[in-house]
Amino acid sequence: MLGINFKKAIQKIICGIGDCQITAFTAKINIYVNNTKYVTEADFSPQQETLLLGRQGFFNLFKTVTFDENEKFTYLETGG
């Protein structure tokens, strides 16, 4: 998955919605937004089909994050 070597990833138990515990693997990843690279860590789990980006590790990398529900668009503003 995404070229990540899960044998080298840190394994841990995380809690999801409804306090459901699942096994996850933490790996360092690169995320590109408008040709700018952001390096962060993300948790992956074979028990979860949908990948989610959260406040810590993604949205905290930006000065302002705006969700436009009508347009189905997310605006990310950098600090510089």
N, C-alpha and C. Protein backbone atom coordinates (compact mmCIF):
# COMPACT_ATOMS: atom_id res chain seq x y z
N MET A 1 0.84 -1.18 0.00
CA MET A 1 0.00 0.00 0.00
C MET A 1 0.89 1.24 0.00
N LEU A 2 0.81 2.06 -1.03
CA LEU A 2 1.55 3.32 -1.14
C LEU A 2 3.06 3.15 -1.03
N GLY A 3 3.56 1.95 -1.27
CA GLY A 3 4.99 1.73 -1.19
C GLY A 3 5.54 1.73 0.23
N ILE A 4 4.69 1.53 1.22
CA ILE A 4 5.11 1.54 2.62
C ILE A 4 5.49 0.13 3.04
N ASN A 5 6.64 0.01 3.68
CA ASN A 5 7.09 -1.27 4.21
C ASN A 5 6.53 -1.42 5.62
N PHE A 6 5.45 -2.17 5.76
CA PHE A 6 4.79 -2.30 7.05
C PHE A 6 5.60 -3.14 8.03
N LYS A 7 6.58 -3.89 7.54
CA LYS A 7 7.46 -4.63 8.46
C LYS A 7 8.32 -3.67 9.27
N LYS A 8 8.57 -2.48 8.74
CA LYS A 8 9.36 -1.47 9.45
C LYS A 8 8.49 -0.46 10.19
N ALA A 9 7.19 -0.50 9.98
CA ALA A 9 6.28 0.47 10.60
C ALA A 9 6.04 0.10 12.07
N ILE A 10 5.71 1.11 12.86
CA ILE A 10 5.40 0.92 14.27
C ILE A 10 3.97 0.41 14.40
N GLN A 11 3.79 -0.71 15.08
CA GLN A 11 2.45 -1.28 15.26
C GLN A 11 1.87 -0.80 16.59
N LYS A 12 0.58 -0.42 16.58
CA LYS A 12 -0.07 0.01 17.81
C LYS A 12 -1.57 -0.24 17.72
N ILE A 13 -2.24 -0.14 18.84
CA ILE A 13 -3.69 -0.28 18.91
C ILE A 13 -4.27 1.13 18.99
N ILE A 14 -5.23 1.44 18.11
CA ILE A 14 -5.90 2.73 18.15
C ILE A 14 -7.40 2.51 18.33
N CYS A 15 -8.08 3.55 18.80
CA CYS A 15 -9.54 3.49 18.98
C CYS A 15 -10.21 4.32 17.91
N GLY A 16 -11.22 3.76 17.32
CA GLY A 16 -11.97 4.46 16.29
C GLY A 16 -13.32 4.90 16.81
N ILE A 17 -14.23 5.10 15.91
CA ILE A 17 -15.58 5.50 16.26
C ILE A 17 -16.22 4.41 17.11
N GLY A 18 -16.88 4.80 18.18
CA GLY A 18 -17.52 3.83 19.07
C GLY A 18 -16.53 3.07 19.93
N ASP A 19 -15.33 3.63 20.11
CA ASP A 19 -14.27 3.01 20.92
C ASP A 19 -13.88 1.63 20.43
N CYS A 20 -14.05 1.38 19.15
CA CYS A 20 -13.65 0.11 18.54
C CYS A 20 -12.13 0.10 18.40
N GLN A 21 -11.46 -0.88 18.99
CA GLN A 21 -10.01 -0.97 18.92
C GLN A 21 -9.57 -1.76 17.69
N ILE A 22 -8.58 -1.20 16.99
CA ILE A 22 -8.04 -1.87 15.81
C ILE A 22 -6.52 -1.75 15.83
N THR A 23 -5.86 -2.64 15.12
CA THR A 23 -4.41 -2.60 14.98
C THR A 23 -4.06 -1.67 13.83
N ALA A 24 -3.11 -0.77 14.08
CA ALA A 24 -2.69 0.18 13.05
C ALA A 24 -1.17 0.18 12.98
N PHE A 25 -0.66 0.63 11.85
CA PHE A 25 0.77 0.74 11.61
C PHE A 25 1.08 2.19 11.27
N THR A 26 2.00 2.80 12.03
CA THR A 26 2.38 4.19 11.81
C THR A 26 3.57 4.24 10.85
N ALA A 27 3.44 5.07 9.83
CA ALA A 27 4.52 5.21 8.84
C ALA A 27 4.66 6.68 8.44
N LYS A 28 5.88 7.07 8.12
CA LYS A 28 6.14 8.42 7.62
C LYS A 28 5.74 8.46 6.15
N ILE A 29 4.99 9.50 5.77
CA ILE A 29 4.53 9.63 4.39
C ILE A 29 4.78 11.05 3.88
N ASN A 30 4.78 11.19 2.57
CA ASN A 30 4.85 12.49 1.92
C ASN A 30 3.49 12.78 1.31
N ILE A 31 2.97 13.98 1.58
CA ILE A 31 1.71 14.42 0.99
C ILE A 31 2.01 15.67 0.18
N TYR A 32 1.55 15.70 -1.06
CA TYR A 32 1.77 16.85 -1.93
C TYR A 32 0.47 17.62 -2.11
N VAL A 33 0.53 18.94 -1.85
CA VAL A 33 -0.60 19.84 -2.06
C VAL A 33 -0.08 21.00 -2.89
N ASN A 34 -0.63 21.19 -4.08
CA ASN A 34 -0.17 22.26 -4.99
C ASN A 34 1.34 22.23 -5.18
N ASN A 35 1.88 21.05 -5.43
CA ASN A 35 3.30 20.85 -5.70
C ASN A 35 4.21 21.14 -4.51
N THR A 36 3.66 21.28 -3.31
CA THR A 36 4.45 21.45 -2.10
C THR A 36 4.40 20.16 -1.31
N LYS A 37 5.58 19.69 -0.89
CA LYS A 37 5.64 18.42 -0.16
C LYS A 37 5.54 18.68 1.34
N TYR A 38 4.68 17.90 2.00
CA TYR A 38 4.53 17.91 3.45
C TYR A 38 4.87 16.51 3.95
N VAL A 39 5.76 16.44 4.93
CA VAL A 39 6.16 15.16 5.51
C VAL A 39 5.44 15.01 6.84
N THR A 40 4.78 13.88 7.03
CA THR A 40 4.04 13.64 8.26
C THR A 40 3.98 12.14 8.53
N GLU A 41 3.34 11.77 9.61
CA GLU A 41 3.11 10.36 9.92
C GLU A 41 1.62 10.07 9.80
N ALA A 42 1.30 8.85 9.41
CA ALA A 42 -0.10 8.43 9.28
C ALA A 42 -0.23 7.01 9.78
N ASP A 43 -1.41 6.70 10.29
CA ASP A 43 -1.72 5.34 10.75
C ASP A 43 -2.51 4.62 9.67
N PHE A 44 -2.10 3.41 9.36
CA PHE A 44 -2.78 2.58 8.37
C PHE A 44 -3.25 1.30 9.05
N SER A 45 -4.42 0.81 8.64
CA SER A 45 -4.94 -0.42 9.21
C SER A 45 -5.62 -1.26 8.14
N PRO A 46 -5.30 -2.54 8.08
CA PRO A 46 -6.00 -3.41 7.12
C PRO A 46 -7.48 -3.58 7.48
N GLN A 47 -7.85 -3.19 8.70
CA GLN A 47 -9.24 -3.29 9.15
C GLN A 47 -10.08 -2.09 8.71
N GLN A 48 -9.45 -1.06 8.16
CA GLN A 48 -10.15 0.15 7.73
C GLN A 48 -9.98 0.30 6.22
N GLU A 49 -11.08 0.47 5.51
CA GLU A 49 -11.02 0.65 4.06
C GLU A 49 -10.85 2.12 3.68
N THR A 50 -11.37 3.02 4.49
CA THR A 50 -11.34 4.45 4.18
C THR A 50 -10.18 5.11 4.90
N LEU A 51 -9.33 5.80 4.15
CA LEU A 51 -8.22 6.54 4.73
C LEU A 51 -8.68 7.93 5.14
N LEU A 52 -8.32 8.35 6.34
CA LEU A 52 -8.71 9.65 6.84
C LEU A 52 -7.48 10.47 7.20
N LEU A 53 -7.53 11.75 6.90
CA LEU A 53 -6.50 12.67 7.35
C LEU A 53 -7.10 13.46 8.50
N GLY A 54 -6.33 13.67 9.55
CA GLY A 54 -6.87 14.30 10.75
C GLY A 54 -6.24 15.63 11.08
N ARG A 55 -6.67 16.16 12.23
CA ARG A 55 -6.18 17.45 12.68
C ARG A 55 -4.68 17.40 12.95
N GLN A 56 -4.24 16.39 13.69
CA GLN A 56 -2.81 16.24 13.97
C GLN A 56 -2.18 15.45 12.83
N GLY A 57 -1.15 15.99 12.27
CA GLY A 57 -0.44 15.29 11.21
C GLY A 57 -0.80 15.73 9.80
N PHE A 58 -1.90 16.48 9.65
CA PHE A 58 -2.22 17.02 8.33
C PHE A 58 -2.77 18.43 8.43
N PHE A 59 -3.96 18.59 8.97
CA PHE A 59 -4.58 19.92 8.98
C PHE A 59 -3.78 20.92 9.82
N ASN A 60 -3.06 20.45 10.84
CA ASN A 60 -2.25 21.37 11.65
C ASN A 60 -1.04 21.92 10.87
N LEU A 61 -0.78 21.39 9.68
CA LEU A 61 0.31 21.89 8.85
C LEU A 61 -0.05 23.18 8.13
N PHE A 62 -1.31 23.59 8.20
CA PHE A 62 -1.81 24.75 7.47
C PHE A 62 -2.31 25.83 8.43
N LYS A 63 -2.24 27.08 7.96
CA LYS A 63 -2.70 28.22 8.77
C LYS A 63 -4.22 28.19 8.91
N THR A 64 -4.91 27.97 7.80
CA THR A 64 -6.38 27.96 7.80
C THR A 64 -6.87 26.79 6.96
N VAL A 65 -7.88 26.10 7.47
CA VAL A 65 -8.53 25.01 6.74
C VAL A 65 -10.02 25.33 6.70
N THR A 66 -10.58 25.38 5.48
CA THR A 66 -12.00 25.69 5.31
C THR A 66 -12.66 24.59 4.49
N PHE A 67 -13.76 24.07 5.00
CA PHE A 67 -14.54 23.07 4.28
C PHE A 67 -15.76 23.75 3.68
N ASP A 68 -15.88 23.73 2.37
CA ASP A 68 -17.03 24.31 1.68
C ASP A 68 -17.95 23.15 1.30
N GLU A 69 -18.98 22.94 2.12
CA GLU A 69 -19.89 21.82 1.91
C GLU A 69 -20.69 21.96 0.62
N ASN A 70 -21.08 23.19 0.27
CA ASN A 70 -21.87 23.40 -0.95
C ASN A 70 -21.08 23.04 -2.20
N GLU A 71 -19.82 23.43 -2.23
CA GLU A 71 -18.97 23.17 -3.39
C GLU A 71 -18.25 21.83 -3.30
N LYS A 72 -18.35 21.16 -2.14
CA LYS A 72 -17.63 19.89 -1.92
C LYS A 72 -16.13 20.09 -2.14
N PHE A 73 -15.60 21.13 -1.48
CA PHE A 73 -14.22 21.52 -1.68
C PHE A 73 -13.59 21.87 -0.34
N THR A 74 -12.29 21.61 -0.21
CA THR A 74 -11.54 21.97 0.99
C THR A 74 -10.45 22.96 0.61
N TYR A 75 -10.39 24.09 1.32
CA TYR A 75 -9.38 25.12 1.08
C TYR A 75 -8.32 25.02 2.17
N LEU A 76 -7.05 24.97 1.74
CA LEU A 76 -5.93 24.90 2.66
C LEU A 76 -5.05 26.12 2.44
N GLU A 77 -4.87 26.92 3.50
CA GLU A 77 -4.06 28.14 3.40
C GLU A 77 -2.78 27.96 4.21
N THR A 78 -1.65 28.23 3.57
CA THR A 78 -0.37 28.14 4.26
C THR A 78 -0.06 29.45 4.95
N GLY A 79 0.92 29.42 5.83
CA GLY A 79 1.29 30.61 6.59
C GLY A 79 2.17 31.58 5.84
N GLY A 80 2.70 31.20 4.69
CA GLY A 80 3.64 32.08 4.03
C GLY A 80 3.38 32.18 2.63
